[in-house]
Amino acid sequence: MLKAKPNLESRIRTLKRDWAIVYDMLSGKK
């Protein structure tokens, strides 16, 4: 897993963006 550090970084970046979208949707529903 440590070998795929650059890949992990890009994956975390996309994860953050996805979570931002999900969080936006949840916040907008309230």
N, C-alpha and C. Protein backbone atom coordinates (compact mmCIF):
# COMPACT_ATOMS: atom_id res chain seq x y z
N MET A 1 0.84 -1.20 0.00
CA MET A 1 0.00 0.00 0.00
C MET A 1 0.87 1.26 0.00
N LEU A 2 2.02 1.18 0.68
CA LEU A 2 2.91 2.34 0.75
C LEU A 2 3.47 2.65 -0.63
N LYS A 3 3.53 1.64 -1.50
CA LYS A 3 4.09 1.85 -2.83
C LYS A 3 3.21 2.77 -3.67
N ALA A 4 1.91 2.75 -3.41
CA ALA A 4 0.97 3.52 -4.24
C ALA A 4 0.68 4.88 -3.61
N LYS A 5 1.72 5.57 -3.17
CA LYS A 5 1.50 6.85 -2.50
C LYS A 5 0.93 7.91 -3.43
N PRO A 6 1.50 8.11 -4.63
CA PRO A 6 0.93 9.13 -5.54
C PRO A 6 -0.51 8.81 -5.90
N ASN A 7 -0.78 7.54 -6.14
CA ASN A 7 -2.14 7.13 -6.48
C ASN A 7 -3.08 7.39 -5.31
N LEU A 8 -2.59 7.15 -4.10
CA LEU A 8 -3.40 7.37 -2.90
C LEU A 8 -3.73 8.85 -2.76
N GLU A 9 -2.77 9.70 -3.08
CA GLU A 9 -3.00 11.15 -2.95
C GLU A 9 -4.12 11.59 -3.88
N SER A 10 -4.09 11.13 -5.12
CA SER A 10 -5.14 11.51 -6.08
C SER A 10 -6.48 10.93 -5.64
N ARG A 11 -6.44 9.74 -5.05
CA ARG A 11 -7.68 9.10 -4.59
C ARG A 11 -8.28 9.91 -3.43
N ILE A 12 -7.41 10.38 -2.54
CA ILE A 12 -7.89 11.19 -1.40
C ILE A 12 -8.49 12.50 -1.92
N ARG A 13 -7.85 13.05 -2.95
CA ARG A 13 -8.35 14.32 -3.51
C ARG A 13 -9.76 14.13 -4.06
N THR A 14 -9.98 13.04 -4.79
CA THR A 14 -11.32 12.79 -5.36
C THR A 14 -12.30 12.46 -4.24
N LEU A 15 -11.82 11.76 -3.21
CA LEU A 15 -12.68 11.44 -2.07
C LEU A 15 -13.17 12.71 -1.40
N LYS A 16 -12.24 13.65 -1.20
CA LYS A 16 -12.62 14.92 -0.56
C LYS A 16 -13.68 15.64 -1.38
N ARG A 17 -13.50 15.64 -2.70
CA ARG A 17 -14.47 16.33 -3.57
C ARG A 17 -15.83 15.63 -3.48
N ASP A 18 -15.83 14.30 -3.51
CA ASP A 18 -17.09 13.56 -3.41
C ASP A 18 -17.78 13.86 -2.09
N TRP A 19 -17.00 13.88 -1.00
CA TRP A 19 -17.59 14.13 0.32
C TRP A 19 -18.13 15.55 0.39
N ALA A 20 -17.44 16.50 -0.28
CA ALA A 20 -17.92 17.88 -0.29
C ALA A 20 -19.29 17.94 -0.97
N ILE A 21 -19.46 17.17 -2.04
CA ILE A 21 -20.74 17.14 -2.75
C ILE A 21 -21.82 16.52 -1.87
N VAL A 22 -21.48 15.40 -1.22
CA VAL A 22 -22.45 14.72 -0.35
C VAL A 22 -22.83 15.63 0.81
N TYR A 23 -21.84 16.27 1.40
CA TYR A 23 -22.09 17.16 2.53
C TYR A 23 -22.99 18.32 2.10
N ASP A 24 -22.72 18.83 0.89
CA ASP A 24 -23.54 19.92 0.35
C ASP A 24 -25.00 19.47 0.23
N MET A 25 -25.20 18.27 -0.29
CA MET A 25 -26.56 17.76 -0.48
C MET A 25 -27.26 17.59 0.87
N LEU A 26 -26.54 17.02 1.84
CA LEU A 26 -27.14 16.80 3.17
C LEU A 26 -27.46 18.13 3.83
N SER A 27 -26.59 19.11 3.68
CA SER A 27 -26.81 20.41 4.31
C SER A 27 -27.98 21.13 3.63
N GLY A 28 -28.11 20.93 2.32
CA GLY A 28 -29.17 21.62 1.58
C GLY A 28 -30.55 21.04 1.90
N LYS A 29 -30.60 19.77 2.30
CA LYS A 29 -31.91 19.15 2.58
C LYS A 29 -32.51 19.68 3.88
N LYS A 30 -31.66 20.05 4.83
CA LYS A 30 -32.18 20.47 6.14
C LYS A 30 -32.88 21.81 6.05
